Each structure stands twice: as C-alpha cells, then as structure tokens.
C-alpha cells in the first residue's frame, strides 16, 4: 500500500449537491461536523494541548 507523506490518504476536498437544502440547514450541518465529541477516548481537548491518559 502506498502512502502520501506517511499518511494513508492525501489532503483533498470533496464537493457534492445538497439536493436544494436551505443554506441554513447546510450551515448547521457543517457547524456540527467541526468539533466531534472526542473527550474520554484519548484525543486532546482543543482547549488543552497534549494527550491525556484515560482514568
């Protein structure tokens, strides 16, 4: 398997039709995708640098 700079995939963009959804719905969806709830599974909190061990 080939990698791009030691990553499984390269940075890219994706565009698709939203089927005529109102821009307010699309904006709400995009906002919800920006910060998934990853607390407690070993990922750093965006406000706190570094990784923490799970208790």
PDB file of N, CA and C in Angstrom:
ATOM      1  N   UNK A   1       0.845  -1.167   0.000  1.00  0.00           N
ATOM      2  CA  UNK A   1       0.000   0.000   0.000  1.00  0.00           C
ATOM      3  C   UNK A   1       0.895   1.237   0.000  1.00  0.00           C
ATOM      4  N   UNK A   2       0.567   2.202  -0.823  1.00  0.00           N
ATOM      5  CA  UNK A   2       1.336   3.442  -0.859  1.00  0.00           C
ATOM      6  C   UNK A   2       0.689   4.479   0.048  1.00  0.00           C
ATOM      7  N   UNK A   3       1.525   5.325   0.604  1.00  0.00           N
ATOM      8  CA  UNK A   3       1.017   6.398   1.441  1.00  0.00           C
ATOM      9  C   UNK A   3       1.512   7.727   0.912  1.00  0.00           C
ATOM     10  N   UNK A   4       0.898   8.783   1.356  1.00  0.00           N
ATOM     11  CA  UNK A   4       1.277  10.146   0.986  1.00  0.00           C
ATOM     12  C   UNK A   4       1.852  10.805   2.225  1.00  0.00           C
ATOM     13  N   UNK A   5       3.165  11.006   2.254  1.00  0.00           N
ATOM     14  CA  UNK A   5       3.848  11.638   3.389  1.00  0.00           C
ATOM     15  C   UNK A   5       3.505  10.950   4.710  1.00  0.00           C
ATOM     16  N   UNK A   6       3.591   9.646   4.714  1.00  0.00           N
ATOM     17  CA  UNK A   6       3.340   8.814   5.883  1.00  0.00           C
ATOM     18  C   UNK A   6       1.891   8.859   6.376  1.00  0.00           C
ATOM     19  N   UNK A   7       0.970   9.297   5.531  1.00  0.00           N
ATOM     20  CA  UNK A   7      -0.451   9.285   5.862  1.00  0.00           C
ATOM     21  C   UNK A   7      -1.147   8.340   4.891  1.00  0.00           C
ATOM     22  N   UNK A   8      -2.253   7.777   5.326  1.00  0.00           N
ATOM     23  CA  UNK A   8      -2.974   6.833   4.480  1.00  0.00           C
ATOM     24  C   UNK A   8      -3.588   7.513   3.259  1.00  0.00           C
ATOM     25  N   UNK A   9      -3.961   8.784   3.385  1.00  0.00           N
ATOM     26  CA  UNK A   9      -4.511   9.496   2.242  1.00  0.00           C
ATOM     27  C   UNK A   9      -3.961  10.914   2.219  1.00  0.00           C
ATOM     28  N   UNK A  10      -4.081  11.572   1.085  1.00  0.00           N
ATOM     29  CA  UNK A  10      -3.575  12.934   0.948  1.00  0.00           C
ATOM     30  C   UNK A  10      -4.693  13.929   1.257  1.00  0.00           C
ATOM     31  N   UNK A  11      -4.328  15.141   1.658  1.00  0.00           N
ATOM     32  CA  UNK A  11      -5.343  16.167   1.891  1.00  0.00           C
ATOM     33  C   UNK A  11      -6.097  16.433   0.591  1.00  0.00           C
ATOM     34  N   UNK A  12      -7.402  16.560   0.670  1.00  0.00           N
ATOM     35  CA  UNK A  12      -8.190  16.795  -0.534  1.00  0.00           C
ATOM     36  C   UNK A  12      -9.496  17.476  -0.168  1.00  0.00           C
ATOM     37  N   UNK A  13     -10.277  17.783  -1.171  1.00  0.00           N
ATOM     38  CA  UNK A  13     -11.573  18.412  -0.990  1.00  0.00           C
ATOM     39  C   UNK A  13     -12.631  17.542  -1.639  1.00  0.00           C
ATOM     40  N   UNK A  14     -13.863  17.684  -1.170  1.00  0.00           N
ATOM     41  CA  UNK A  14     -14.983  16.942  -1.734  1.00  0.00           C
ATOM     42  C   UNK A  14     -16.141  17.909  -1.899  1.00  0.00           C
ATOM     43  N   UNK A  15     -16.817  17.837  -3.015  1.00  0.00           N
ATOM     44  CA  UNK A  15     -17.992  18.667  -3.248  1.00  0.00           C
ATOM     45  C   UNK A  15     -19.124  17.781  -3.747  1.00  0.00           C
ATOM     46  N   UNK A  16     -20.328  18.059  -3.270  1.00  0.00           N
ATOM     47  CA  UNK A  16     -21.492  17.286  -3.698  1.00  0.00           C
ATOM     48  C   UNK A  16     -22.725  18.177  -3.635  1.00  0.00           C
ATOM     49  N   UNK A  17     -23.756  17.782  -4.325  1.00  0.00           N
ATOM     50  CA  UNK A  17     -25.017  18.500  -4.292  1.00  0.00           C
ATOM     51  C   UNK A  17     -25.758  18.197  -2.994  1.00  0.00           C
ATOM     52  N   UNK A  18     -26.453  19.190  -2.484  1.00  0.00           N
ATOM     53  CA  UNK A  18     -27.235  19.004  -1.256  1.00  0.00           C
ATOM     54  C   UNK A  18     -28.715  18.880  -1.569  1.00  0.00           C
ATOM     55  N   UNK A  19     -29.047  18.679  -2.823  1.00  0.00           N
ATOM     56  CA  UNK A  19     -30.437  18.455  -3.203  1.00  0.00           C
ATOM     57  C   UNK A  19     -31.367  19.621  -2.940  1.00  0.00           C
ATOM     58  N   UNK A  20     -30.867  20.837  -2.974  1.00  0.00           N
ATOM     59  CA  UNK A  20     -31.721  22.004  -2.791  1.00  0.00           C
ATOM     60  C   UNK A  20     -32.027  22.327  -1.343  1.00  0.00           C
ATOM     61  N   UNK A  21     -31.260  21.800  -0.403  1.00  0.00           N
ATOM     62  CA  UNK A  21     -31.479  22.107   1.019  1.00  0.00           C
ATOM     63  C   UNK A  21     -31.203  23.585   1.270  1.00  0.00           C
ATOM     64  N   UNK A  22     -31.957  24.199   2.183  1.00  0.00           N
ATOM     65  CA  UNK A  22     -31.701  25.609   2.509  1.00  0.00           C
ATOM     66  C   UNK A  22     -30.292  25.800   3.075  1.00  0.00           C
ATOM     67  N   UNK A  23     -29.682  26.941   2.782  1.00  0.00           N
ATOM     68  CA  UNK A  23     -28.331  27.208   3.265  1.00  0.00           C
ATOM     69  C   UNK A  23     -28.239  27.159   4.786  1.00  0.00           C
ATOM     70  N   UNK A  24     -29.310  27.516   5.486  1.00  0.00           N
ATOM     71  CA  UNK A  24     -29.279  27.469   6.953  1.00  0.00           C
ATOM     72  C   UNK A  24     -29.107  26.039   7.452  1.00  0.00           C
ATOM     73  N   UNK A  25     -29.718  25.073   6.794  1.00  0.00           N
ATOM     74  CA  UNK A  25     -29.587  23.664   7.172  1.00  0.00           C
ATOM     75  C   UNK A  25     -28.175  23.170   6.863  1.00  0.00           C
ATOM     76  N   UNK A  26     -27.635  23.560   5.719  1.00  0.00           N
ATOM     77  CA  UNK A  26     -26.277  23.157   5.345  1.00  0.00           C
ATOM     78  C   UNK A  26     -25.269  23.754   6.326  1.00  0.00           C
ATOM     79  N   UNK A  27     -25.438  25.025   6.691  1.00  0.00           N
ATOM     80  CA  UNK A  27     -24.536  25.672   7.647  1.00  0.00           C
ATOM     81  C   UNK A  27     -24.613  24.994   9.010  1.00  0.00           C
ATOM     82  N   UNK A  28     -25.817  24.636   9.447  1.00  0.00           N
ATOM     83  CA  UNK A  28     -25.982  23.945  10.729  1.00  0.00           C
ATOM     84  C   UNK A  28     -25.263  22.596  10.696  1.00  0.00           C
ATOM     85  N   UNK A  29     -25.408  21.864   9.628  1.00  0.00           N
ATOM     86  CA  UNK A  29     -24.734  20.568   9.493  1.00  0.00           C
ATOM     87  C   UNK A  29     -23.217  20.739   9.528  1.00  0.00           C
ATOM     88  N   UNK A  30     -22.699  21.706   8.770  1.00  0.00           N
ATOM     89  CA  UNK A  30     -21.249  21.929   8.722  1.00  0.00           C
ATOM     90  C   UNK A  30     -20.718  22.317  10.099  1.00  0.00           C
ATOM     91  N   UNK A  31     -21.442  23.159  10.818  1.00  0.00           N
ATOM     92  CA  UNK A  31     -21.007  23.576  12.154  1.00  0.00           C
ATOM     93  C   UNK A  31     -20.937  22.376  13.097  1.00  0.00           C
ATOM     94  N   UNK A  32     -21.869  21.463  12.999  1.00  0.00           N
ATOM     95  CA  UNK A  32     -21.885  20.281  13.863  1.00  0.00           C
ATOM     96  C   UNK A  32     -20.735  19.332  13.537  1.00  0.00           C
ATOM     97  N   UNK A  33     -20.214  19.372  12.322  1.00  0.00           N
ATOM     98  CA  UNK A  33     -19.139  18.473  11.915  1.00  0.00           C
ATOM     99  C   UNK A  33     -17.765  18.958  12.359  1.00  0.00           C
ATOM    100  N   UNK A  34     -17.644  20.196  12.764  1.00  0.00           N
ATOM    101  CA  UNK A  34     -16.337  20.770  13.062  1.00  0.00           C
ATOM    102  C   UNK A  34     -15.723  20.291  14.365  1.00  0.00           C
ATOM    103  N   UNK A  35     -16.514  19.942  15.355  1.00  0.00           N
ATOM    104  CA  UNK A  35     -15.953  19.579  16.654  1.00  0.00           C
ATOM    105  C   UNK A  35     -16.677  18.364  17.223  1.00  0.00           C
ATOM    106  N   UNK A  36     -16.269  17.197  16.799  1.00  0.00           N
ATOM    107  CA  UNK A  36     -16.912  15.999  17.348  1.00  0.00           C
ATOM    108  C   UNK A  36     -16.570  15.834  18.821  1.00  0.00           C
ATOM    109  N   UNK A  37     -17.430  15.171  19.562  1.00  0.00           N
ATOM    110  CA  UNK A  37     -17.207  14.927  20.982  1.00  0.00           C
ATOM    111  C   UNK A  37     -16.255  13.752  21.129  1.00  0.00           C
ATOM    112  N   UNK A  38     -14.975  14.045  21.359  1.00  0.00           N
ATOM    113  CA  UNK A  38     -13.959  13.003  21.454  1.00  0.00           C
ATOM    114  C   UNK A  38     -13.394  12.885  22.861  1.00  0.00           C
ATOM    115  N   UNK A  39     -14.013  13.547  23.824  1.00  0.00           N
ATOM    116  CA  UNK A  39     -13.495  13.502  25.188  1.00  0.00           C
ATOM    117  C   UNK A  39     -13.581  12.085  25.736  1.00  0.00           C
ATOM    118  N   UNK A  40     -12.544  11.700  26.468  1.00  0.00           N
ATOM    119  CA  UNK A  40     -12.547  10.405  27.128  1.00  0.00           C
ATOM    120  C   UNK A  40     -12.060   9.253  26.274  1.00  0.00           C
ATOM    121  N   UNK A  41     -11.650   9.529  25.020  1.00  0.00           N
ATOM    122  CA  UNK A  41     -11.162   8.426  24.188  1.00  0.00           C
ATOM    123  C   UNK A  41      -9.720   8.649  23.747  1.00  0.00           C
ATOM    124  N   UNK A  42      -8.992   9.484  24.497  1.00  0.00           N
ATOM    125  CA  UNK A  42      -7.572   9.651  24.234  1.00  0.00           C
ATOM    126  C   UNK A  42      -7.202  10.786  23.307  1.00  0.00           C
ATOM    127  N   UNK A  43      -8.168  11.526  22.795  1.00  0.00           N
ATOM    128  CA  UNK A  43      -7.862  12.659  21.930  1.00  0.00           C
ATOM    129  C   UNK A  43      -7.709  13.914  22.776  1.00  0.00           C
ATOM    130  N   UNK A  44      -6.832  14.849  22.370  1.00  0.00           N
ATOM    131  CA  UNK A  44      -6.677  16.075  23.150  1.00  0.00           C
ATOM    132  C   UNK A  44      -7.899  16.968  23.023  1.00  0.00           C
ATOM    133  N   UNK A  45      -8.204  17.673  24.087  1.00  0.00           N
ATOM    134  CA  UNK A  45      -9.261  18.675  24.058  1.00  0.00           C
ATOM    135  C   UNK A  45      -8.705  19.867  23.281  1.00  0.00           C
ATOM    136  N   UNK A  46      -9.459  20.462  22.354  1.00  0.00           N
ATOM    137  CA  UNK A  46      -8.927  21.591  21.574  1.00  0.00           C
ATOM    138  C   UNK A  46      -8.421  22.745  22.438  1.00  0.00           C
ATOM    139  N   UNK A  47      -8.962  22.919  23.647  1.00  0.00           N
ATOM    140  CA  UNK A  47      -8.521  23.991  24.521  1.00  0.00           C
ATOM    141  C   UNK A  47      -7.290  23.608  25.331  1.00  0.00           C
ATOM    142  N   UNK A  48      -6.950  22.335  25.407  1.00  0.00           N
ATOM    143  CA  UNK A  48      -5.821  21.883  26.209  1.00  0.00           C
ATOM    144  C   UNK A  48      -4.842  21.109  25.332  1.00  0.00           C
ATOM    145  N   UNK A  49      -3.571  21.549  25.264  1.00  0.00           N
ATOM    146  CA  UNK A  49      -2.597  20.848  24.422  1.00  0.00           C
ATOM    147  C   UNK A  49      -2.206  19.496  25.005  1.00  0.00           C
ATOM    148  N   UNK A  50      -1.836  18.579  24.140  1.00  0.00           N
ATOM    149  CA  UNK A  50      -1.307  17.284  24.573  1.00  0.00           C
ATOM    150  C   UNK A  50      -2.367  16.224  24.788  1.00  0.00           C
ATOM    151  N   UNK A  51      -1.900  14.997  24.874  1.00  0.00           N
ATOM    152  CA  UNK A  51      -2.790  13.866  25.105  1.00  0.00           C
ATOM    153  C   UNK A  51      -2.869  13.557  26.588  1.00  0.00           C
ATOM    154  N   UNK A  52      -4.014  13.062  27.013  1.00  0.00           N
ATOM    155  CA  UNK A  52      -4.206  12.666  28.402  1.00  0.00           C
ATOM    156  C   UNK A  52      -4.504  11.179  28.449  1.00  0.00           C
ATOM    157  N   UNK A  53      -4.125  10.553  29.523  1.00  0.00           N
ATOM    158  CA  UNK A  53      -4.454   9.143  29.713  1.00  0.00           C
ATOM    159  C   UNK A  53      -5.874   9.026  30.237  1.00  0.00           C
ATOM    160  N   UNK A  54      -6.556   7.972  29.788  1.00  0.00           N
ATOM    161  CA  UNK A  54      -7.886   7.703  30.322  1.00  0.00           C
ATOM    162  C   UNK A  54      -7.751   7.206  31.751  1.00  0.00           C
ATOM    163  N   UNK A  55      -8.662   7.601  32.615  1.00  0.00           N
ATOM    164  CA  UNK A  55      -8.619   7.167  34.022  1.00  0.00           C
ATOM    165  C   UNK A  55      -9.125   5.756  34.180  1.00  0.00           C
TER     166      UNK A  55
END
